[in-house]
Protein backbone atom coordinates (compact mmCIF):
# COMPACT_ATOMS: atom_id res chain seq x y z
CA MET A 1 -0.06 0.21 -0.28
CA THR A 2 1.25 3.75 -0.84
CA ARG A 3 2.46 5.68 1.86
CA ARG A 4 0.09 8.89 2.08
CA GLY A 5 3.19 11.39 2.93
CA ARG A 6 5.55 13.45 1.87
CA VAL A 7 9.42 13.00 1.59
CA ALA A 8 11.83 16.32 1.01
CA LEU A 9 14.76 15.32 -0.87
CA ILE A 10 17.30 18.41 -0.59
CA VAL A 11 20.57 18.13 -2.38
CA LEU A 12 22.73 20.94 -1.05
CA ASP A 13 25.06 21.03 -4.33
CA GLY A 14 28.75 20.59 -3.54
CA VAL A 15 28.65 19.99 0.55
CA GLY A 16 31.13 17.18 0.63
CA TYR A 17 31.76 15.28 3.53
CA GLY A 18 35.37 14.16 3.07
CA SER A 19 37.16 10.62 1.76
CA CYS A 20 35.62 8.17 -0.39
CA PRO A 21 37.28 4.61 -1.67
CA ASP A 22 38.60 6.36 -5.10
CA GLN A 23 39.01 9.50 -4.02
CA SER A 24 42.61 9.66 -5.30
CA ARG A 25 41.84 8.02 -8.88
CA TYR A 26 40.07 11.71 -9.10
CA GLY A 27 42.77 13.53 -8.03
CA ASP A 28 41.13 14.86 -5.04
CA ALA A 29 43.25 13.07 -2.18
CA GLY A 30 42.88 15.70 1.09
CA SER A 31 39.59 17.26 -0.34
CA ASP A 32 37.06 17.41 2.61
CA THR A 33 34.67 20.06 1.78
CA LEU A 34 33.01 20.29 5.38
CA GLY A 35 35.94 18.80 7.11
CA ASN A 36 38.64 21.53 5.76
CA ILE A 37 36.21 24.73 6.27
CA GLY A 38 35.69 23.62 9.63
CA ARG A 39 39.24 23.71 10.43
CA ALA A 40 39.70 26.74 8.56
CA VAL A 41 37.08 28.84 10.11
CA GLY A 42 38.21 27.26 13.40
CA GLY A 43 35.34 25.28 14.41
CA PHE A 44 31.61 25.52 13.55
CA SER A 45 28.57 26.69 15.26
CA LEU A 46 26.06 25.15 13.59
CA PRO A 47 23.23 24.29 16.51
CA THR A 48 20.72 22.84 14.22
CA LEU A 49 22.77 20.45 12.20
CA GLU A 50 24.44 19.44 15.28
CA HIS A 51 21.55 18.52 16.59
CA LEU A 52 20.36 16.64 13.77
CA GLY A 53 23.58 14.64 14.25
CA LEU A 54 25.80 16.30 11.21
CA GLY A 55 29.15 15.57 13.32
CA CYS A 56 28.38 11.99 14.48
CA ALA A 57 28.91 9.98 11.24
CA ARG A 58 32.39 11.96 10.67
CA PRO A 59 33.56 14.39 13.48
CA LEU A 60 33.72 17.79 12.33
CA ALA A 61 35.66 20.78 14.08
CA GLY A 62 33.48 22.51 16.67
CA MET A 63 30.51 20.03 16.53
CA ARG A 64 29.98 17.06 18.94
CA CYS A 65 27.41 14.26 18.82
CA ASP A 66 25.42 14.07 21.67
CA HIS A 67 21.90 12.24 21.08
CA PRO A 68 20.91 13.09 17.36
CA THR A 69 17.74 13.58 16.42
CA ALA A 70 18.05 12.71 12.61
CA ALA A 71 19.00 9.39 11.16
CA HIS A 72 22.69 10.26 10.38
CA GLY A 73 25.21 8.46 7.90
CA VAL A 74 27.70 8.97 4.72
CA ALA A 75 26.74 8.60 1.00
CA VAL A 76 29.34 7.28 -0.86
CA PRO A 77 29.43 7.60 -4.68
CA ARG A 78 29.48 4.40 -6.90
CA SER A 79 28.75 6.29 -10.50
CA ALA A 80 32.12 7.32 -12.59
CA GLY A 81 32.20 10.86 -12.35
CA LYS A 82 31.99 14.05 -10.06
CA ASP A 83 29.40 15.98 -11.64
CA SER A 84 26.10 17.33 -10.88
CA THR A 85 24.04 15.27 -13.16
CA THR A 86 26.14 12.14 -12.56
CA GLY A 87 25.45 12.42 -8.33
CA HIS A 88 21.68 13.62 -9.00
CA TRP A 89 20.96 10.53 -11.19
CA GLU A 90 22.77 8.27 -8.70
CA LEU A 91 20.76 9.78 -5.84
CA CYS A 92 17.67 8.83 -7.96
CA GLY A 93 18.89 5.21 -8.95
CA ILE A 94 21.35 5.62 -11.84
CA VAL A 95 24.63 4.21 -11.18
CA LEU A 96 27.03 5.29 -14.04
CA GLU A 97 29.63 2.60 -15.04
CA ARG A 98 31.70 5.36 -17.06
CA PRO A 99 31.72 9.03 -16.78
CA PHE A 100 30.53 11.49 -19.38
CA PRO A 101 33.42 12.95 -21.67
CA THR A 102 35.55 15.68 -20.58
CA TYR A 103 37.56 18.42 -22.31
CA PRO A 104 40.81 19.56 -20.98
CA GLY A 105 42.13 20.63 -24.27
CA GLY A 106 38.78 22.13 -25.41
CA PHE A 107 36.47 20.46 -28.00
CA PRO A 108 37.80 19.13 -31.54
CA ALA A 109 37.94 21.94 -33.94
CA GLU A 110 35.18 19.98 -35.79
CA VAL A 111 32.76 20.25 -33.19
CA ILE A 112 33.43 24.08 -32.83
CA ALA A 113 32.85 24.60 -36.56
CA GLU A 114 30.13 22.90 -37.13
CA PHE A 115 28.41 24.76 -33.43
CA ALA A 116 29.41 27.88 -35.30
CA ARG A 117 28.14 27.12 -38.95
CA ARG A 118 24.80 26.09 -37.57
CA THR A 119 24.06 29.08 -34.68
CA GLY A 120 25.65 31.71 -37.50
CA ARG A 121 28.11 33.29 -35.24
CA GLY A 122 31.72 32.80 -34.19
CA VAL A 123 33.42 31.40 -31.65
CA LEU A 124 36.20 32.75 -28.69
CA GLY A 125 37.88 30.66 -26.35
CA ASN A 126 37.14 26.87 -26.60
CA THR A 127 39.40 26.04 -23.48
CA VAL A 128 39.03 25.26 -20.24
CA ALA A 129 38.29 28.19 -17.74
CA SER A 130 36.35 29.73 -14.60
CA GLY A 131 33.50 31.36 -15.81
CA THR A 132 33.70 34.65 -14.31
CA ALA A 133 37.36 35.01 -15.85
CA ILE A 134 36.63 33.87 -19.04
CA ILE A 135 34.04 36.75 -19.76
CA ASP A 136 36.49 39.14 -18.02
CA GLU A 137 38.88 38.05 -20.59
CA LEU A 138 36.63 37.77 -23.84
CA GLY A 139 33.41 39.86 -22.90
CA ALA A 140 34.64 42.87 -24.59
CA ARG A 141 35.69 40.94 -28.00
CA HIS A 142 32.35 39.71 -27.93
CA GLN A 143 30.62 42.88 -27.44
CA ALA A 144 32.75 44.11 -30.57
CA THR A 145 32.35 40.89 -32.66
CA GLY A 146 29.23 38.97 -31.50
CA ALA A 147 30.86 35.49 -31.41
CA TRP A 148 30.01 33.09 -28.58
CA ILE A 149 32.30 32.68 -25.64
CA VAL A 150 32.52 28.59 -25.25
CA TYR A 151 34.40 26.83 -22.78
CA THR A 152 34.38 23.96 -20.39
CA SER A 153 35.84 22.73 -17.31
CA ALA A 154 36.96 19.73 -15.09
CA ASP A 155 33.39 18.60 -15.64
CA SER A 156 31.64 17.37 -18.82
CA VAL A 157 30.22 20.52 -19.97
CA PHE A 158 29.73 22.57 -22.84
CA GLN A 159 29.19 26.15 -21.38
CA ILE A 160 28.09 29.26 -23.87
CA ALA A 161 28.49 32.72 -22.62
CA ALA A 162 27.33 35.37 -24.18
CA HIS A 163 26.00 39.15 -23.03
CA GLU A 164 22.66 39.54 -22.94
CA ASP A 165 22.75 43.41 -24.64
CA VAL A 166 24.45 41.27 -27.75
CA VAL A 167 22.50 38.01 -27.99
CA PRO A 168 18.86 37.84 -26.89
CA LEU A 169 18.24 35.01 -24.67
CA GLU A 170 16.03 32.92 -26.71
CA GLU A 171 18.70 32.97 -29.11
CA LEU A 172 21.55 32.07 -26.42
CA TYR A 173 18.86 29.31 -25.38
CA ASP A 174 18.60 28.15 -29.18
CA ALA A 175 21.84 27.42 -29.82
CA CYS A 176 22.22 25.43 -26.51
CA ARG A 177 19.11 23.47 -27.71
CA THR A 178 21.32 23.35 -31.07
CA ALA A 179 24.94 22.37 -29.15
CA ARG A 180 22.76 19.70 -27.24
CA THR A 181 21.27 18.02 -30.44
CA MET A 182 25.22 17.69 -31.91
CA LEU A 183 26.93 16.63 -28.53
CA MET A 184 25.35 13.25 -28.48
CA GLY A 185 27.45 9.68 -29.19
CA ALA A 186 31.23 10.32 -28.26
CA HIS A 187 30.55 13.83 -27.30
CA ALA A 188 27.48 13.14 -25.21
CA VAL A 189 28.47 15.87 -22.63
CA SER A 190 26.33 15.45 -19.52
CA ARG A 191 25.16 19.36 -20.01
CA VAL A 192 25.20 22.19 -22.26
CA ILE A 193 24.75 25.62 -20.10
CA ALA A 194 23.95 28.75 -20.85
CA ARG A 195 25.88 31.35 -19.24
CA PRO A 196 24.31 34.84 -20.17
CA PHE A 197 26.22 38.12 -18.44
CA THR A 198 25.81 41.73 -18.23
CA GLY A 199 27.55 44.78 -17.72
CA VAL A 200 30.88 46.62 -19.17
CA PRO A 201 34.52 45.58 -19.78
CA GLY A 202 35.67 45.48 -16.13
CA ALA A 203 32.46 44.88 -14.52
CA PHE A 204 30.91 42.04 -15.99
CA VAL A 205 28.39 39.64 -14.17
CA ARG A 206 26.94 36.60 -14.74
CA THR A 207 22.82 36.88 -14.62
CA PRO A 208 20.37 34.62 -13.28
CA ASN A 209 19.29 33.59 -16.48
CA ARG A 210 21.30 30.60 -16.35
CA ARG A 211 19.89 27.21 -18.10
CA ASP A 212 21.04 23.63 -18.35
CA PHE A 213 20.03 21.34 -21.26
CA SER A 214 21.16 18.11 -20.19
CA LEU A 215 21.13 14.60 -21.76
CA ASP A 216 17.72 12.40 -21.15
CA PRO A 217 18.37 9.91 -18.48
CA VAL A 218 19.69 6.56 -19.70
CA GLU A 219 17.56 4.71 -17.68
CA PRO A 220 14.14 5.02 -15.56
CA THR A 221 15.00 6.77 -12.47
CA VAL A 222 12.85 7.11 -9.01
CA LEU A 223 11.00 10.17 -10.75
CA ASP A 224 9.72 8.10 -13.61
CA ARG A 225 8.37 5.66 -11.28
CA LEU A 226 6.61 7.92 -9.46
CA ALA A 227 5.06 9.47 -12.42
CA ALA A 228 3.98 6.29 -13.36
CA VAL A 229 1.82 5.74 -10.63
CA GLY A 230 0.51 9.55 -10.49
CA ILE A 231 2.69 10.22 -7.44
CA GLU A 232 3.18 14.55 -7.25
CA ARG A 233 6.52 15.41 -8.01
CA LEU A 234 7.65 19.05 -7.21
CA GLY A 235 10.73 20.57 -7.53
CA VAL A 236 13.16 23.23 -6.47
CA GLY A 237 16.21 24.53 -8.01
CA LYS A 238 17.53 23.23 -11.02
CA VAL A 239 17.18 19.76 -10.87
CA ASP A 240 14.35 19.59 -13.93
CA ASP A 241 17.42 20.72 -15.78
CA LEU A 242 19.44 17.67 -14.30
CA PHE A 243 16.81 15.34 -15.68
CA ALA A 244 16.01 16.88 -19.24
CA GLY A 245 12.94 17.55 -17.69
CA ARG A 246 11.88 14.10 -17.37
CA GLY A 247 9.51 13.45 -14.72
CA ILE A 248 9.53 16.89 -12.66
CA THR A 249 9.34 20.31 -13.44
CA SER A 250 10.66 22.96 -10.97
CA ARG A 251 10.75 26.38 -9.77
CA HIS A 252 14.04 27.57 -10.00
CA THR A 253 15.99 29.73 -7.48
CA PRO A 254 18.93 31.64 -8.10
CA THR A 255 20.22 31.71 -4.40
CA ASN A 256 19.85 29.46 -1.17
CA ARG A 257 17.88 31.96 0.51
CA GLU A 258 15.27 31.41 -2.25
CA ALA A 259 15.59 28.00 -2.44
CA TYR A 260 14.58 27.53 1.53
CA ALA A 261 11.73 29.69 0.67
CA ALA A 262 10.46 27.55 -2.21
CA ILE A 263 11.13 24.65 -0.14
CA ALA A 264 8.96 25.76 2.99
CA ASP A 265 6.37 26.72 0.18
CA GLY A 266 6.14 23.38 -1.22
CA LEU A 267 5.98 21.72 2.11
CA ARG A 268 3.02 23.52 2.81
CA SER A 269 1.11 23.11 -0.43
CA LEU A 270 1.79 19.62 -1.09
CA GLU A 271 -0.20 16.91 0.50
CA HIS A 272 1.52 13.69 -0.37
CA GLY A 273 4.66 13.01 -2.86
CA LEU A 274 8.39 14.08 -3.07
CA LEU A 275 9.48 17.70 -3.24
CA PHE A 276 12.89 17.34 -4.80
CA ALA A 277 15.04 20.62 -4.16
CA ASN A 278 18.67 21.55 -5.54
CA VAL A 279 20.29 24.38 -3.03
CA ILE A 280 23.02 26.01 -5.53
CA GLU A 281 25.37 28.29 -4.04
CA PHE A 282 27.51 25.73 -2.06
CA ASP A 283 29.00 24.89 -5.29
CA GLN A 284 28.04 27.93 -7.97
CA SER A 285 28.75 30.75 -5.54
CA TRP A 286 31.42 29.86 -3.06
CA GLY A 287 32.74 26.51 -4.00
CA HIS A 288 33.97 27.09 -7.40
CA ARG A 289 35.13 30.70 -6.58
CA ASN A 290 37.40 28.94 -3.32
CA ASP A 291 35.53 31.29 -0.94
CA VAL A 292 35.52 29.90 2.33
CA ALA A 293 33.98 32.60 4.19
CA GLY A 294 31.10 32.65 1.88
CA PHE A 295 30.67 28.74 2.17
CA HIS A 296 30.80 29.39 5.97
CA ARG A 297 27.70 32.09 5.76
CA GLY A 298 25.97 30.01 3.71
CA LEU A 299 25.92 26.83 6.23
CA MET A 300 25.22 29.04 8.96
CA GLU A 301 21.84 30.23 6.59
CA LEU A 302 21.21 26.75 6.25
CA ASP A 303 21.51 26.09 9.77
CA GLU A 304 19.13 28.84 10.70
CA ALA A 305 16.61 28.29 8.06
CA LEU A 306 16.31 24.31 8.87
CA PRO A 307 14.18 24.66 12.03
CA ASN A 308 11.13 26.57 9.94
CA LEU A 309 11.65 23.55 7.24
CA LEU A 310 11.53 21.24 10.02
CA ALA A 311 8.35 22.63 11.86
CA LEU A 312 6.42 21.98 8.70
CA LEU A 313 6.80 18.29 8.60
CA ARG A 314 4.06 16.26 9.39
CA PRO A 315 4.26 12.77 11.15
CA GLY A 316 5.46 10.17 8.85
CA ASP A 317 7.66 12.84 6.52
CA LEU A 318 10.90 12.18 5.59
CA MET A 319 13.61 14.95 5.06
CA ILE A 320 16.52 13.66 3.93
CA LEU A 321 19.46 16.41 3.27
CA THR A 322 22.39 15.15 1.51
CA ALA A 323 24.84 16.46 -1.59
CA ASP A 324 25.82 15.01 -5.17
CA HIS A 325 29.43 15.63 -4.93
CA GLY A 326 31.86 18.13 -2.89
CA ASN A 327 33.36 21.37 -3.81
CA ASP A 328 36.41 22.08 -1.49
CA PRO A 329 36.87 26.28 -1.16
CA THR A 330 40.17 25.42 0.64
CA THR A 331 42.21 23.48 -2.12
CA PRO A 332 43.97 25.18 -5.33
CA SER A 333 41.27 23.59 -7.60
CA THR A 334 38.14 25.78 -8.44
CA ASP A 335 36.56 22.17 -9.51
CA HIS A 336 34.33 19.73 -7.99
CA SER A 337 35.77 17.32 -5.99
CA ARG A 338 35.60 13.61 -5.53
CA GLU A 339 33.91 13.02 -2.13
CA ALA A 340 31.39 11.22 0.18
CA ALA A 341 28.17 13.12 1.10
CA PRO A 342 26.46 13.99 4.47
CA LEU A 343 23.50 11.95 5.25
CA LEU A 344 20.69 13.25 7.35
CA VAL A 345 16.85 11.83 7.59
CA ALA A 346 14.73 13.91 9.99
CA GLY A 347 10.87 13.75 10.51
CA PRO A 348 8.62 13.57 13.27
CA SER A 349 8.52 9.36 13.01
CA VAL A 350 12.24 9.28 12.31
CA VAL A 351 14.69 6.73 14.31
CA PRO A 352 17.55 8.30 14.88
CA ALA A 353 19.86 5.58 13.89
CA ALA A 354 23.40 5.70 12.67
CA LEU A 355 23.22 4.60 8.87
CA GLY A 356 26.95 4.13 8.45
CA ASP A 357 28.29 4.22 4.77
CA ARG A 358 25.84 3.91 2.29
CA GLY A 359 25.54 4.32 -1.74
CA PHE A 360 23.88 7.25 -2.86
CA ALA A 361 21.66 4.87 -4.58
CA ASP A 362 20.28 3.88 -1.57
CA VAL A 363 18.48 7.42 -1.28
CA GLY A 364 16.63 6.74 -4.53
CA ALA A 365 15.75 3.02 -3.20
CA THR A 366 14.54 4.65 0.15
CA ILE A 367 12.22 7.07 -1.40
CA ALA A 368 10.81 3.94 -3.89
CA ASP A 369 10.45 2.17 -0.74
CA TYR A 370 8.46 4.64 0.94
CA PHE A 371 6.15 5.36 -2.34
CA SER A 372 5.93 1.54 -2.44
CA VAL A 373 7.14 1.64 -6.47
CA PRO A 374 10.19 -0.34 -7.91
CA SER A 375 13.67 0.38 -7.45
CA ALA A 376 16.66 -0.78 -10.09
CA ALA A 377 19.45 0.04 -7.75
CA GLY A 378 20.56 0.54 -4.02
CA ARG A 379 19.44 -0.64 -0.77
CA SER A 380 16.60 1.04 1.19
CA PHE A 381 17.38 1.84 4.40
CA LEU A 382 13.61 2.80 5.37
CA GLY A 383 13.05 -0.33 7.65
CA GLU A 384 16.07 1.19 9.65
CA ILE A 385 14.82 4.71 10.32
CA THR A 386 11.11 4.32 10.68
């Protein structure tokens, strides 16, 4: 019988929890987003997260483990890769054996030439770059020529930057759709990303009008299985983009504060089903910019927002807090890091069990178990917490 309650799955984008067995293979030995930030700031003061049990599964500076109120553990990635698409797909039941392709030397010349031909504009860049740095470097040339700024990162992404006063947003989005249709097969990057910006040379700024164009999931996800039986799915943040809009629609939230407000609105309106949220700024605003102080402020903002969200849970509801990968701002790299993720499960009826090390896919299996739908991967821990 289907359980008549709600699950809120909240993915704290980039909030890694330290080492995992294959971390060194990705060049990320020593990356520990929460652990290293805690040490850098002289110890955390995050009373709500501490009360839930964040410091129980792995020690964190300044945090005790004293009668936690949430089930607590560690989510370990098993899929190949360390990008947002891979992490979110695995949380929803898809374990990838091979990573999406990456382009440390830029995209092949024939790909760039075909993209320019199809879109009618030239291309600048075609390199690995920070998104803010490359618009500072090439923004004026883009304004003068109208050529796209194309760049990538350590992740499997084809990113297209354009000034909103030079290229209308819809033309930028159409160019991304064109790139998405091209980048299949051997060049099937996980995401094509529109990166609009405004401003003048020396003061360019990216706008909130980013849009991601992802591959369709390669297998059914828990979202598909819930949709098949008519269970409501409510998205917050970029989750619809990460699943190519399959099985979920989403209210986009460019800041964490807006995400928390949207989650609260969702919990007030959703009678039965899954609320699936991505909280973006830990990754986008602070991890990729090596901003330790900003990341720390974001954690304190999360800690302050959680009591209001937890108060909206009803008996039988679950709130699952986890992450999709790491993004350690204390390391020289500005890229994602291969890390485990925190795993906290809260709710009025939750048993505060120690869950130990679990796979990312166990989260999706637990959600599937909660709503009595099939799961293709992972092992549910629902029986351990209810």
